[in-house]
Amino acid sequence: MTNWAGRARPRGCRSSTSISCACRPGMRTAVSRRTAAGGGGSSQQRDDGLVRVANARQPPRAGIGHNSSTPQRIARVRADASVRRAQEVDPNWRPTPSLTTVLGNESQQSEISRLTNLAQEAEAFVTMKRRDGLPLGFRDKTEYAEFGYQLRSEVLRAGHREVQVFLKGSAVTGYSYSTGRAFDGGSKPSDFDIAIVSPAMIKRARKLRITLLSSGKRTVALNPDQLRQMGLRDTIDGLSTRQGRQVTIMIYESEGSVSRRSPFVRVP
């Protein structure tokens, strides 16, 4: 850990180390977001209080901007802090074993990916536990159930049978892990990221030449033209309007393909 020995301490800084100093560029905003009552705040508070809850789940951003803080170290700090928060909520919580197993030949990128998934899993547990299983973006379980019913009914009406529907992304974890932005903490409402599991829909997407990723096990997020080709354009436009936020769709071959990407919850 780097200290301030031989270096000018920023005016007003009381930290004994440069790593923990909140005066560095890029750190002041992250720290100030967590100093408001309840663990977070936002100038765009919504009536249902979701931004406050999501901001409290912001990942720590320690070490960003210093040469001594490698991407691996940043990922490790985030993962450790997230696991601690999860075990504060439930001391019996344990992560998926594969996320804590370090392989001897693990590459740097593999380690970062594993630690990122570990942090996301822990944060998803905290968010869902504290909200009694209700994802962010819904006022109550009735609204959540109605959303699921509408989505499932419209998908069936479009001719797609035997589908499973899951919600993933910041509505589950509390923030975007790529940007660190809290759910609904930006200039516009956060998206609902929907994963539809259907081998038949994957086959149709392949016939339509929609881009497939992960060795053909999932699609890209479907754009308006692709949604129209799949018979889902009106469905998603209607849901987006009713929810007041963009609903995005990705199609997966199996539930296992969803679980390998990021935490998720089944939509009722």
C-alpha atoms as a PDB file:
ATOM      1  CA  MET A   1       0.000   0.000   0.000  1.00  0.00           C
ATOM      2  CA  THR A   2       1.330   3.412  -0.986  1.00  0.00           C
ATOM      3  CA  ASN A   3       1.709   6.096   1.700  1.00  0.00           C
ATOM      4  CA  TRP A   4       2.196   9.829   1.425  1.00  0.00           C
ATOM      5  CA  ALA A   5       5.890   9.721   2.420  1.00  0.00           C
ATOM      6  CA  GLY A   6       7.884  12.053   0.199  1.00  0.00           C
ATOM      7  CA  ARG A   7       4.731  13.252  -1.599  1.00  0.00           C
ATOM      8  CA  ALA A   8       2.507  16.278  -1.162  1.00  0.00           C
ATOM      9  CA  ARG A   9      -0.687  15.430   0.667  1.00  0.00           C
ATOM     10  CA  PRO A  10      -3.749  17.033  -1.005  1.00  0.00           C
ATOM     11  CA  ARG A  11      -5.151  19.989   0.936  1.00  0.00           C
ATOM     12  CA  GLY A  12      -7.727  18.851   3.460  1.00  0.00           C
ATOM     13  CA  CYS A  13      -6.780  15.177   3.138  1.00  0.00           C
ATOM     14  CA  ARG A  14      -6.708  13.241   6.418  1.00  0.00           C
ATOM     15  CA  SER A  15      -5.930   9.836   4.972  1.00  0.00           C
ATOM     16  CA  SER A  16      -2.728   8.120   6.026  1.00  0.00           C
ATOM     17  CA  THR A  17      -2.361   6.401   2.674  1.00  0.00           C
ATOM     18  CA  SER A  18      -2.768   7.379  -0.945  1.00  0.00           C
ATOM     19  CA  ILE A  19      -4.840   4.262  -1.708  1.00  0.00           C
ATOM     20  CA  SER A  20      -7.604   5.187   0.740  1.00  0.00           C
ATOM     21  CA  CYS A  21      -7.539   8.905  -0.040  1.00  0.00           C
ATOM     22  CA  ALA A  22     -10.829  10.260  -1.355  1.00  0.00           C
ATOM     23  CA  CYS A  23      -9.120  13.400  -2.690  1.00  0.00           C
ATOM     24  CA  ARG A  24      -7.754  11.714  -5.794  1.00  0.00           C
ATOM     25  CA  PRO A  25      -9.411  12.420  -9.173  1.00  0.00           C
ATOM     26  CA  GLY A  26     -12.371  10.106  -9.714  1.00  0.00           C
ATOM     27  CA  MET A  27     -12.677   9.214  -6.015  1.00  0.00           C
ATOM     28  CA  ARG A  28     -14.461  12.289  -4.635  1.00  0.00           C
ATOM     29  CA  THR A  29     -17.726  11.547  -6.444  1.00  0.00           C
ATOM     30  CA  ALA A  30     -17.747   7.877  -5.461  1.00  0.00           C
ATOM     31  CA  VAL A  31     -17.124   8.707  -1.804  1.00  0.00           C
ATOM     32  CA  SER A  32     -19.593  11.574  -1.645  1.00  0.00           C
ATOM     33  CA  ARG A  33     -22.330   9.327  -3.025  1.00  0.00           C
ATOM     34  CA  ARG A  34     -21.916   7.086  -0.009  1.00  0.00           C
ATOM     35  CA  THR A  35     -21.887   9.819   2.633  1.00  0.00           C
ATOM     36  CA  ALA A  36     -25.549  10.703   2.418  1.00  0.00           C
ATOM     37  CA  ALA A  37     -27.922   9.283   5.011  1.00  0.00           C
ATOM     38  CA  GLY A  38     -28.747   5.672   4.360  1.00  0.00           C
ATOM     39  CA  GLY A  39     -25.551   4.935   2.453  1.00  0.00           C
ATOM     40  CA  GLY A  40     -26.198   6.813  -0.754  1.00  0.00           C
ATOM     41  CA  GLY A  41     -27.971   9.643  -2.457  1.00  0.00           C
ATOM     42  CA  SER A  42     -28.839  11.049  -5.839  1.00  0.00           C
ATOM     43  CA  SER A  43     -30.112  14.284  -7.288  1.00  0.00           C
ATOM     44  CA  GLN A  44     -32.603  12.139  -9.175  1.00  0.00           C
ATOM     45  CA  GLN A  45     -34.355  10.419  -6.278  1.00  0.00           C
ATOM     46  CA  ARG A  46     -37.451   8.547  -7.422  1.00  0.00           C
ATOM     47  CA  ASP A  47     -40.623   8.435  -5.342  1.00  0.00           C
ATOM     48  CA  ASP A  48     -40.194   4.715  -4.621  1.00  0.00           C
ATOM     49  CA  GLY A  49     -36.720   5.257  -3.133  1.00  0.00           C
ATOM     50  CA  LEU A  50     -34.981   2.850  -5.497  1.00  0.00           C
ATOM     51  CA  VAL A  51     -32.020   5.123  -6.186  1.00  0.00           C
ATOM     52  CA  ARG A  52     -31.234   5.327  -2.482  1.00  0.00           C
ATOM     53  CA  VAL A  53     -31.252   1.552  -2.171  1.00  0.00           C
ATOM     54  CA  ALA A  54     -29.193   1.041  -5.321  1.00  0.00           C
ATOM     55  CA  ASN A  55     -26.630   3.692  -4.432  1.00  0.00           C
ATOM     56  CA  ALA A  56     -25.959   1.897  -1.176  1.00  0.00           C
ATOM     57  CA  ARG A  57     -24.830  -1.060  -3.255  1.00  0.00           C
ATOM     58  CA  GLN A  58     -22.206   0.876  -5.223  1.00  0.00           C
ATOM     59  CA  PRO A  59     -18.969  -1.100  -5.621  1.00  0.00           C
ATOM     60  CA  PRO A  60     -15.870   0.295  -3.907  1.00  0.00           C
ATOM     61  CA  ARG A  61     -13.589   2.107  -6.322  1.00  0.00           C
ATOM     62  CA  ALA A  62     -10.398   1.974  -4.280  1.00  0.00           C
ATOM     63  CA  GLY A  63      -7.134   2.379  -6.111  1.00  0.00           C
ATOM     64  CA  ILE A  64      -8.452   3.569  -9.458  1.00  0.00           C
ATOM     65  CA  GLY A  65      -6.048   6.009 -11.047  1.00  0.00           C
ATOM     66  CA  HIS A  66      -2.849   4.647  -9.439  1.00  0.00           C
ATOM     67  CA  ASN A  67      -0.233   2.604 -11.231  1.00  0.00           C
ATOM     68  CA  SER A  68       0.017   0.315  -8.202  1.00  0.00           C
ATOM     69  CA  SER A  69      -3.660  -0.623  -8.570  1.00  0.00           C
ATOM     70  CA  THR A  70      -3.883  -3.171 -11.347  1.00  0.00           C
ATOM     71  CA  PRO A  71      -7.232  -4.301 -12.789  1.00  0.00           C
ATOM     72  CA  GLN A  72      -6.767  -7.548 -10.871  1.00  0.00           C
ATOM     73  CA  ARG A  73      -6.295  -5.736  -7.570  1.00  0.00           C
ATOM     74  CA  ILE A  74      -9.316  -3.506  -8.210  1.00  0.00           C
ATOM     75  CA  ALA A  75     -11.435  -6.576  -9.008  1.00  0.00           C
ATOM     76  CA  ARG A  76     -10.156  -8.306  -5.864  1.00  0.00           C
ATOM     77  CA  VAL A  77     -10.944  -5.304  -3.639  1.00  0.00           C
ATOM     78  CA  ARG A  78     -14.455  -5.093  -5.074  1.00  0.00           C
ATOM     79  CA  ALA A  79     -15.070  -8.806  -4.661  1.00  0.00           C
ATOM     80  CA  ASP A  80     -13.797  -8.861  -1.070  1.00  0.00           C
ATOM     81  CA  ALA A  81     -15.961  -5.881  -0.110  1.00  0.00           C
ATOM     82  CA  SER A  82     -19.039  -7.373  -1.798  1.00  0.00           C
ATOM     83  CA  VAL A  83     -18.603 -10.725  -0.071  1.00  0.00           C
ATOM     84  CA  ARG A  84     -18.239  -8.962   3.292  1.00  0.00           C
ATOM     85  CA  ARG A  85     -21.495  -7.077   2.707  1.00  0.00           C
ATOM     86  CA  ALA A  86     -23.311 -10.286   1.803  1.00  0.00           C
ATOM     87  CA  GLN A  87     -22.075 -12.037   4.945  1.00  0.00           C
ATOM     88  CA  GLU A  88     -23.065  -9.057   7.067  1.00  0.00           C
ATOM     89  CA  VAL A  89     -26.609  -9.548   5.783  1.00  0.00           C
ATOM     90  CA  ASP A  90     -26.454 -13.336   6.254  1.00  0.00           C
ATOM     91  CA  PRO A  91     -23.407 -14.879   7.969  1.00  0.00           C
ATOM     92  CA  ASN A  92     -24.326 -18.239   6.425  1.00  0.00           C
ATOM     93  CA  TRP A  93     -24.187 -16.974   2.834  1.00  0.00           C
ATOM     94  CA  ARG A  94     -21.531 -18.637   0.706  1.00  0.00           C
ATOM     95  CA  PRO A  95     -20.652 -17.884  -2.927  1.00  0.00           C
ATOM     96  CA  THR A  96     -20.702 -20.433  -5.700  1.00  0.00           C
ATOM     97  CA  PRO A  97     -17.571 -22.590  -5.083  1.00  0.00           C
ATOM     98  CA  SER A  98     -16.237 -22.148  -8.608  1.00  0.00           C
ATOM     99  CA  LEU A  99     -16.028 -18.389  -8.035  1.00  0.00           C
ATOM    100  CA  THR A 100     -13.624 -18.788  -5.126  1.00  0.00           C
ATOM    101  CA  THR A 101     -11.530 -21.589  -6.604  1.00  0.00           C
ATOM    102  CA  VAL A 102      -8.217 -20.318  -7.940  1.00  0.00           C
ATOM    103  CA  LEU A 103      -6.769 -22.479 -10.703  1.00  0.00           C
ATOM    104  CA  GLY A 104      -3.003 -22.741 -11.012  1.00  0.00           C
ATOM    105  CA  ASN A 105      -3.079 -21.739 -14.683  1.00  0.00           C
ATOM    106  CA  GLU A 106      -5.642 -18.951 -14.293  1.00  0.00           C
ATOM    107  CA  SER A 107      -4.911 -16.062 -16.660  1.00  0.00           C
ATOM    108  CA  GLN A 108      -5.186 -12.429 -15.623  1.00  0.00           C
ATOM    109  CA  GLN A 109      -8.371 -11.953 -17.625  1.00  0.00           C
ATOM    110  CA  SER A 110      -9.878 -15.153 -16.211  1.00  0.00           C
ATOM    111  CA  GLU A 111      -9.132 -13.981 -12.671  1.00  0.00           C
ATOM    112  CA  ILE A 112     -10.723 -10.595 -13.310  1.00  0.00           C
ATOM    113  CA  SER A 113     -13.782 -12.262 -14.826  1.00  0.00           C
ATOM    114  CA  ARG A 114     -14.098 -14.686 -11.901  1.00  0.00           C
ATOM    115  CA  LEU A 115     -13.751 -11.906  -9.305  1.00  0.00           C
ATOM    116  CA  THR A 116     -16.255  -9.737 -11.167  1.00  0.00           C
ATOM    117  CA  ASN A 117     -18.775 -12.584 -11.189  1.00  0.00           C
ATOM    118  CA  LEU A 118     -18.127 -13.177  -7.479  1.00  0.00           C
ATOM    119  CA  ALA A 119     -18.826  -9.516  -6.660  1.00  0.00           C
ATOM    120  CA  GLN A 120     -21.967  -9.497  -8.793  1.00  0.00           C
ATOM    121  CA  GLU A 121     -23.279 -12.649  -7.127  1.00  0.00           C
ATOM    122  CA  ALA A 122     -22.714 -11.185  -3.653  1.00  0.00           C
ATOM    123  CA  GLU A 123     -24.288  -7.839  -4.521  1.00  0.00           C
ATOM    124  CA  ALA A 124     -27.293  -9.520  -6.123  1.00  0.00           C
ATOM    125  CA  PHE A 125     -27.804 -11.493  -2.922  1.00  0.00           C
ATOM    126  CA  VAL A 126     -27.683  -8.316  -0.829  1.00  0.00           C
ATOM    127  CA  THR A 127     -30.052  -6.370  -3.078  1.00  0.00           C
ATOM    128  CA  MET A 128     -32.626  -9.146  -3.326  1.00  0.00           C
ATOM    129  CA  LYS A 129     -32.379 -10.099   0.346  1.00  0.00           C
ATOM    130  CA  ARG A 130     -32.952  -6.571   1.577  1.00  0.00           C
ATOM    131  CA  ARG A 131     -35.876  -6.119  -0.824  1.00  0.00           C
ATOM    132  CA  ASP A 132     -37.452  -9.479   0.044  1.00  0.00           C
ATOM    133  CA  GLY A 133     -36.894 -10.855  -3.445  1.00  0.00           C
ATOM    134  CA  LEU A 134     -38.183  -7.787  -5.286  1.00  0.00           C
ATOM    135  CA  PRO A 135     -35.868  -6.474  -8.037  1.00  0.00           C
ATOM    136  CA  LEU A 136     -35.142  -2.780  -8.292  1.00  0.00           C
ATOM    137  CA  GLY A 137     -37.511  -0.813 -10.516  1.00  0.00           C
ATOM    138  CA  PHE A 138     -40.740  -2.315  -9.157  1.00  0.00           C
ATOM    139  CA  ARG A 139     -42.848  -0.660  -6.454  1.00  0.00           C
ATOM    140  CA  ASP A 140     -44.146  -3.944  -5.084  1.00  0.00           C
ATOM    141  CA  LYS A 141     -44.535  -7.629  -5.862  1.00  0.00           C
ATOM    142  CA  THR A 142     -47.918  -7.049  -7.481  1.00  0.00           C
ATOM    143  CA  GLU A 143     -46.375  -4.793 -10.116  1.00  0.00           C
ATOM    144  CA  TYR A 144     -43.563  -7.316 -10.603  1.00  0.00           C
ATOM    145  CA  ALA A 145     -46.034 -10.174 -11.104  1.00  0.00           C
ATOM    146  CA  GLU A 146     -48.091  -8.104 -13.563  1.00  0.00           C
ATOM    147  CA  PHE A 147     -44.952  -7.307 -15.559  1.00  0.00           C
ATOM    148  CA  GLY A 148     -44.091 -11.004 -15.758  1.00  0.00           C
ATOM    149  CA  TYR A 149     -47.626 -11.979 -16.751  1.00  0.00           C
ATOM    150  CA  GLN A 150     -47.776  -9.353 -19.507  1.00  0.00           C
ATOM    151  CA  LEU A 151     -44.375 -10.298 -20.902  1.00  0.00           C
ATOM    152  CA  ARG A 152     -45.032 -14.016 -20.862  1.00  0.00           C
ATOM    153  CA  SER A 153     -48.509 -13.626 -22.393  1.00  0.00           C
ATOM    154  CA  GLU A 154     -47.238 -11.450 -25.242  1.00  0.00           C
ATOM    155  CA  VAL A 155     -44.356 -13.816 -25.989  1.00  0.00           C
ATOM    156  CA  LEU A 156     -46.806 -16.713 -26.193  1.00  0.00           C
ATOM    157  CA  ARG A 157     -49.124 -14.637 -28.386  1.00  0.00           C
ATOM    158  CA  ALA A 158     -46.196 -14.079 -30.752  1.00  0.00           C
ATOM    159  CA  GLY A 159     -46.052 -17.850 -31.224  1.00  0.00           C
ATOM    160  CA  HIS A 160     -43.122 -18.689 -28.950  1.00  0.00           C
ATOM    161  CA  ARG A 161     -43.893 -21.653 -26.700  1.00  0.00           C
ATOM    162  CA  GLU A 162     -42.138 -23.184 -23.715  1.00  0.00           C
ATOM    163  CA  VAL A 163     -40.125 -20.137 -22.744  1.00  0.00           C
ATOM    164  CA  GLN A 164     -38.503 -19.195 -19.447  1.00  0.00           C
ATOM    165  CA  VAL A 165     -38.127 -15.529 -18.536  1.00  0.00           C
ATOM    166  CA  PHE A 166     -35.421 -14.070 -16.298  1.00  0.00           C
ATOM    167  CA  LEU A 167     -34.412 -10.587 -15.180  1.00  0.00           C
ATOM    168  CA  LYS A 168     -30.736  -9.742 -14.914  1.00  0.00           C
ATOM    169  CA  GLY A 169     -28.428  -6.725 -14.800  1.00  0.00           C
ATOM    170  CA  SER A 170     -28.537  -3.728 -12.485  1.00  0.00           C
ATOM    171  CA  ALA A 171     -32.143  -4.354 -11.426  1.00  0.00           C
ATOM    172  CA  VAL A 172     -30.770  -7.434  -9.663  1.00  0.00           C
ATOM    173  CA  THR A 173     -27.273  -6.367  -8.576  1.00  0.00           C
ATOM    174  CA  GLY A 174     -28.102  -2.725  -7.781  1.00  0.00           C
ATOM    175  CA  TYR A 175     -25.653  -1.122 -10.205  1.00  0.00           C
ATOM    176  CA  SER A 176     -23.982  -1.466 -13.562  1.00  0.00           C
ATOM    177  CA  TYR A 177     -20.722  -3.260 -12.962  1.00  0.00           C
ATOM    178  CA  SER A 178     -19.183  -1.867 -16.143  1.00  0.00           C
ATOM    179  CA  THR A 179     -19.812   1.775 -15.197  1.00  0.00           C
ATOM    180  CA  GLY A 180     -20.335   1.581 -11.427  1.00  0.00           C
ATOM    181  CA  ARG A 181     -23.530   3.634 -11.869  1.00  0.00           C
ATOM    182  CA  ALA A 182     -26.349   2.854  -9.457  1.00  0.00           C
ATOM    183  CA  PHE A 183     -29.658   1.612 -10.790  1.00  0.00           C
ATOM    184  CA  ASP A 184     -31.629   4.703 -11.870  1.00  0.00           C
ATOM    185  CA  GLY A 185     -28.647   6.840 -10.888  1.00  0.00           C
ATOM    186  CA  GLY A 186     -28.070   8.301 -14.343  1.00  0.00           C
ATOM    187  CA  SER A 187     -29.763  10.924 -16.475  1.00  0.00           C
ATOM    188  CA  LYS A 188     -32.494   8.489 -17.524  1.00  0.00           C
ATOM    189  CA  PRO A 189     -34.129   5.402 -15.977  1.00  0.00           C
ATOM    190  CA  SER A 190     -32.087   2.200 -16.108  1.00  0.00           C
ATOM    191  CA  ASP A 191     -33.101  -0.599 -18.468  1.00  0.00           C
ATOM    192  CA  PHE A 192     -34.743  -3.860 -17.561  1.00  0.00           C
ATOM    193  CA  ASP A 193     -32.490  -6.567 -19.033  1.00  0.00           C
ATOM    194  CA  ILE A 194     -34.622  -9.598 -19.872  1.00  0.00           C
ATOM    195  CA  ALA A 195     -33.251 -13.036 -20.726  1.00  0.00           C
ATOM    196  CA  ILE A 196     -35.647 -15.361 -22.553  1.00  0.00           C
ATOM    197  CA  VAL A 197     -34.618 -19.001 -22.558  1.00  0.00           C
ATOM    198  CA  SER A 198     -35.924 -20.867 -25.585  1.00  0.00           C
ATOM    199  CA  PRO A 199     -34.004 -23.308 -27.819  1.00  0.00           C
ATOM    200  CA  ALA A 200     -36.663 -22.805 -30.508  1.00  0.00           C
ATOM    201  CA  MET A 201     -36.191 -19.025 -30.469  1.00  0.00           C
ATOM    202  CA  ILE A 202     -32.415 -19.458 -30.731  1.00  0.00           C
ATOM    203  CA  LYS A 203     -32.953 -21.615 -33.820  1.00  0.00           C
ATOM    204  CA  ARG A 204     -35.211 -18.952 -35.325  1.00  0.00           C
ATOM    205  CA  ALA A 205     -32.646 -16.248 -34.531  1.00  0.00           C
ATOM    206  CA  ARG A 206     -29.999 -18.331 -36.291  1.00  0.00           C
ATOM    207  CA  LYS A 207     -32.219 -18.643 -39.390  1.00  0.00           C
ATOM    208  CA  LEU A 208     -32.770 -14.887 -39.365  1.00  0.00           C
ATOM    209  CA  ARG A 209     -28.984 -14.422 -39.149  1.00  0.00           C
ATOM    210  CA  ILE A 210     -29.235 -12.511 -35.894  1.00  0.00           C
ATOM    211  CA  THR A 211     -25.774 -12.314 -34.331  1.00  0.00           C
ATOM    212  CA  LEU A 212     -25.162 -15.102 -31.817  1.00  0.00           C
ATOM    213  CA  LEU A 213     -22.528 -14.993 -29.091  1.00  0.00           C
ATOM    214  CA  SER A 214     -21.019 -17.483 -26.614  1.00  0.00           C
ATOM    215  CA  SER A 215     -20.629 -20.201 -29.262  1.00  0.00           C
ATOM    216  CA  GLY A 216     -24.182 -19.729 -30.461  1.00  0.00           C
ATOM    217  CA  LYS A 217     -25.799 -19.997 -27.024  1.00  0.00           C
ATOM    218  CA  ARG A 218     -27.236 -16.463 -26.840  1.00  0.00           C
ATOM    219  CA  THR A 219     -28.139 -13.529 -29.047  1.00  0.00           C
ATOM    220  CA  VAL A 220     -27.017  -9.954 -28.837  1.00  0.00           C
ATOM    221  CA  ALA A 221     -29.491  -7.534 -27.261  1.00  0.00           C
ATOM    222  CA  LEU A 222     -32.168  -7.417 -29.939  1.00  0.00           C
ATOM    223  CA  ASN A 223     -32.554  -4.114 -31.780  1.00  0.00           C
ATOM    224  CA  PRO A 224     -35.973  -2.894 -33.041  1.00  0.00           C
ATOM    225  CA  ASP A 225     -35.631  -4.603 -36.443  1.00  0.00           C
ATOM    226  CA  GLN A 226     -34.613  -7.900 -34.839  1.00  0.00           C
ATOM    227  CA  LEU A 227     -37.490  -7.658 -32.357  1.00  0.00           C
ATOM    228  CA  ARG A 228     -39.855  -7.160 -35.297  1.00  0.00           C
ATOM    229  CA  GLN A 229     -38.421 -10.224 -37.037  1.00  0.00           C
ATOM    230  CA  MET A 230     -39.015 -12.251 -33.875  1.00  0.00           C
ATOM    231  CA  GLY A 231     -42.561 -10.885 -33.555  1.00  0.00           C
ATOM    232  CA  LEU A 232     -41.753  -9.038 -30.328  1.00  0.00           C
ATOM    233  CA  ARG A 233     -41.445  -5.377 -31.376  1.00  0.00           C
ATOM    234  CA  ASP A 234     -44.933  -4.299 -30.245  1.00  0.00           C
ATOM    235  CA  THR A 235     -44.617  -6.349 -27.065  1.00  0.00           C
ATOM    236  CA  ILE A 236     -41.378  -4.731 -25.960  1.00  0.00           C
ATOM    237  CA  ASP A 237     -42.459  -1.232 -27.016  1.00  0.00           C
ATOM    238  CA  GLY A 238     -45.632  -1.625 -24.955  1.00  0.00           C
ATOM    239  CA  LEU A 239     -43.800  -2.917 -21.886  1.00  0.00           C
ATOM    240  CA  SER A 240     -41.201  -0.153 -22.123  1.00  0.00           C
ATOM    241  CA  THR A 241     -43.951   2.467 -22.250  1.00  0.00           C
ATOM    242  CA  ARG A 242     -45.855   0.989 -19.306  1.00  0.00           C
ATOM    243  CA  GLN A 243     -42.747   0.630 -17.143  1.00  0.00           C
ATOM    244  CA  GLY A 244     -41.311   4.020 -18.049  1.00  0.00           C
ATOM    245  CA  ARG A 245     -37.943   2.472 -18.912  1.00  0.00           C
ATOM    246  CA  GLN A 246     -36.414   0.569 -21.821  1.00  0.00           C
ATOM    247  CA  VAL A 247     -36.916  -3.189 -21.771  1.00  0.00           C
ATOM    248  CA  THR A 248     -34.142  -5.057 -23.590  1.00  0.00           C
ATOM    249  CA  ILE A 249     -34.258  -8.670 -24.699  1.00  0.00           C
ATOM    250  CA  MET A 250     -31.593 -11.309 -25.184  1.00  0.00           C
ATOM    251  CA  ILE A 251     -32.429 -14.894 -26.113  1.00  0.00           C
ATOM    252  CA  TYR A 252     -30.554 -17.805 -24.537  1.00  0.00           C
ATOM    253  CA  GLU A 253     -30.357 -21.474 -25.380  1.00  0.00           C
ATOM    254  CA  SER A 254     -30.602 -22.660 -21.760  1.00  0.00           C
ATOM    255  CA  GLU A 255     -30.814 -21.459 -18.176  1.00  0.00           C
ATOM    256  CA  GLY A 256     -27.199 -22.532 -17.758  1.00  0.00           C
ATOM    257  CA  SER A 257     -26.207 -20.069 -20.478  1.00  0.00           C
ATOM    258  CA  VAL A 258     -27.887 -17.287 -18.487  1.00  0.00           C
ATOM    259  CA  SER A 259     -26.224 -18.235 -15.212  1.00  0.00           C
ATOM    260  CA  ARG A 260     -22.759 -18.106 -16.760  1.00  0.00           C
ATOM    261  CA  ARG A 261     -23.222 -14.450 -17.695  1.00  0.00           C
ATOM    262  CA  SER A 262     -24.349 -12.664 -14.514  1.00  0.00           C
ATOM    263  CA  PRO A 263     -26.780 -12.994 -11.577  1.00  0.00           C
ATOM    264  CA  PHE A 264     -30.446 -13.321 -12.492  1.00  0.00           C
ATOM    265  CA  VAL A 265     -33.876 -13.944 -11.005  1.00  0.00           C
ATOM    266  CA  ARG A 266     -36.804 -15.782 -12.503  1.00  0.00           C
ATOM    267  CA  VAL A 267     -39.643 -13.490 -13.551  1.00  0.00           C
ATOM    268  CA  PRO A 268     -42.942 -14.726 -12.057  1.00  0.00           C
END
